[in-house]
Amino acid sequence: MVTKSKKKRIPLQKVIWCKIRYWQNLNDISDEELADYLGCSERTLRNYDNNPSNVTLKTIDTFLFVTDMTLSDFLSVA
């Protein structure tokens, strides 16, 4: 039996950041455009790539507002 402490899991921030990058790829959006959507710099995007734990709810909310998506829509993106 595997205990909870030994289970491997992907942190929520990483899942969310991967979904944002996936959406970016599907919609052929440049890093410059994505940074503009999120109100940050391209360097911040690269920082999120390395460590998505700094992705804030404000960033997610801004993304949802700019893309006119609901949280449910966003979470159901493949």
C-alpha atoms as a PDB file:
ATOM      1  CA  MET A   1       0.000   0.000   0.000  1.00  0.00           C
ATOM      2  CA  VAL A   2       1.274   3.457  -0.926  1.00  0.00           C
ATOM      3  CA  THR A   3       0.914   6.119   1.717  1.00  0.00           C
ATOM      4  CA  LYS A   4      -0.043   9.686   0.897  1.00  0.00           C
ATOM      5  CA  SER A   5       3.434  10.927   1.707  1.00  0.00           C
ATOM      6  CA  LYS A   6       4.983   8.568  -0.870  1.00  0.00           C
ATOM      7  CA  LYS A   7       2.546   9.315  -3.689  1.00  0.00           C
ATOM      8  CA  LYS A   8       3.878  11.428  -6.518  1.00  0.00           C
ATOM      9  CA  ARG A   9       1.643  14.281  -7.496  1.00  0.00           C
ATOM     10  CA  ILE A  10       1.869  17.348  -9.652  1.00  0.00           C
ATOM     11  CA  PRO A  11       1.376  20.576  -7.679  1.00  0.00           C
ATOM     12  CA  LEU A  12      -1.694  22.599  -8.627  1.00  0.00           C
ATOM     13  CA  GLN A  13       0.365  25.640  -9.638  1.00  0.00           C
ATOM     14  CA  LYS A  14       2.282  23.511 -12.140  1.00  0.00           C
ATOM     15  CA  VAL A  15      -0.936  22.061 -13.576  1.00  0.00           C
ATOM     16  CA  ILE A  16      -2.368  25.557 -13.974  1.00  0.00           C
ATOM     17  CA  TRP A  17       0.786  26.939 -15.558  1.00  0.00           C
ATOM     18  CA  CYS A  18       0.963  24.002 -17.972  1.00  0.00           C
ATOM     19  CA  LYS A  19      -2.660  24.642 -18.958  1.00  0.00           C
ATOM     20  CA  ILE A  20      -1.855  28.309 -19.652  1.00  0.00           C
ATOM     21  CA  ARG A  21       1.134  27.322 -21.784  1.00  0.00           C
ATOM     22  CA  TYR A  22      -1.001  24.696 -23.548  1.00  0.00           C
ATOM     23  CA  TRP A  23      -3.672  27.313 -24.327  1.00  0.00           C
ATOM     24  CA  GLN A  24      -0.917  29.629 -25.584  1.00  0.00           C
ATOM     25  CA  ASN A  25       0.350  26.930 -27.912  1.00  0.00           C
ATOM     26  CA  LEU A  26      -3.130  26.026 -29.194  1.00  0.00           C
ATOM     27  CA  ASN A  27      -3.881  29.663 -29.981  1.00  0.00           C
ATOM     28  CA  ASP A  28      -0.446  30.437 -31.464  1.00  0.00           C
ATOM     29  CA  ILE A  29       0.188  33.228 -28.963  1.00  0.00           C
ATOM     30  CA  SER A  30       3.731  34.564 -28.590  1.00  0.00           C
ATOM     31  CA  ASP A  31       5.435  34.935 -25.221  1.00  0.00           C
ATOM     32  CA  GLU A  32       5.265  38.696 -25.711  1.00  0.00           C
ATOM     33  CA  GLU A  33       1.485  38.558 -26.169  1.00  0.00           C
ATOM     34  CA  LEU A  34       0.999  36.194 -23.233  1.00  0.00           C
ATOM     35  CA  ALA A  35       3.083  38.430 -20.992  1.00  0.00           C
ATOM     36  CA  ASP A  36       0.953  41.370 -22.103  1.00  0.00           C
ATOM     37  CA  TYR A  37      -2.238  39.408 -21.325  1.00  0.00           C
ATOM     38  CA  LEU A  38      -0.953  38.564 -17.854  1.00  0.00           C
ATOM     39  CA  GLY A  39       0.483  41.998 -17.157  1.00  0.00           C
ATOM     40  CA  CYS A  40       4.000  40.711 -16.597  1.00  0.00           C
ATOM     41  CA  SER A  41       7.300  40.444 -18.434  1.00  0.00           C
ATOM     42  CA  GLU A  42       8.572  37.633 -20.637  1.00  0.00           C
ATOM     43  CA  ARG A  43      11.205  37.023 -17.975  1.00  0.00           C
ATOM     44  CA  THR A  44       8.406  36.346 -15.476  1.00  0.00           C
ATOM     45  CA  LEU A  45       6.983  33.755 -17.873  1.00  0.00           C
ATOM     46  CA  ARG A  46      10.354  31.993 -17.954  1.00  0.00           C
ATOM     47  CA  ASN A  47      10.495  32.163 -14.154  1.00  0.00           C
ATOM     48  CA  TYR A  48       7.051  30.518 -14.030  1.00  0.00           C
ATOM     49  CA  ASP A  49       8.361  27.827 -16.399  1.00  0.00           C
ATOM     50  CA  ASN A  50      11.127  27.045 -13.910  1.00  0.00           C
ATOM     51  CA  ASN A  51       9.044  27.483 -10.760  1.00  0.00           C
ATOM     52  CA  PRO A  52       5.274  27.833 -11.204  1.00  0.00           C
ATOM     53  CA  SER A  53       4.732  28.074  -7.448  1.00  0.00           C
ATOM     54  CA  ASN A  54       4.795  31.871  -7.850  1.00  0.00           C
ATOM     55  CA  VAL A  55       1.739  31.924 -10.138  1.00  0.00           C
ATOM     56  CA  THR A  56      -0.819  33.915  -8.169  1.00  0.00           C
ATOM     57  CA  LEU A  57      -4.609  33.886  -8.161  1.00  0.00           C
ATOM     58  CA  LYS A  58      -4.397  37.412  -9.569  1.00  0.00           C
ATOM     59  CA  THR A  59      -2.429  36.083 -12.547  1.00  0.00           C
ATOM     60  CA  ILE A  60      -4.997  33.353 -13.125  1.00  0.00           C
ATOM     61  CA  ASP A  61      -7.880  35.802 -12.723  1.00  0.00           C
ATOM     62  CA  THR A  62      -6.265  38.187 -15.211  1.00  0.00           C
ATOM     63  CA  PHE A  63      -5.783  35.343 -17.692  1.00  0.00           C
ATOM     64  CA  LEU A  64      -9.416  34.270 -17.357  1.00  0.00           C
ATOM     65  CA  PHE A  65     -10.652  37.844 -17.768  1.00  0.00           C
ATOM     66  CA  VAL A  66      -8.537  38.569 -20.848  1.00  0.00           C
ATOM     67  CA  THR A  67      -9.433  35.276 -22.520  1.00  0.00           C
ATOM     68  CA  ASP A  68     -13.104  35.536 -21.525  1.00  0.00           C
ATOM     69  CA  MET A  69     -12.994  32.064 -19.955  1.00  0.00           C
ATOM     70  CA  THR A  70     -14.595  30.831 -16.800  1.00  0.00           C
ATOM     71  CA  LEU A  71     -12.595  28.834 -14.299  1.00  0.00           C
ATOM     72  CA  SER A  72     -14.623  25.748 -15.291  1.00  0.00           C
ATOM     73  CA  ASP A  73     -13.758  26.281 -18.964  1.00  0.00           C
ATOM     74  CA  PHE A  74     -10.112  26.696 -18.109  1.00  0.00           C
ATOM     75  CA  LEU A  75      -9.903  23.612 -15.926  1.00  0.00           C
ATOM     76  CA  SER A  76     -11.596  21.469 -18.576  1.00  0.00           C
ATOM     77  CA  VAL A  77      -8.976  22.348 -21.218  1.00  0.00           C
ATOM     78  CA  ALA A  78      -7.398  19.016 -22.147  1.00  0.00           C
END
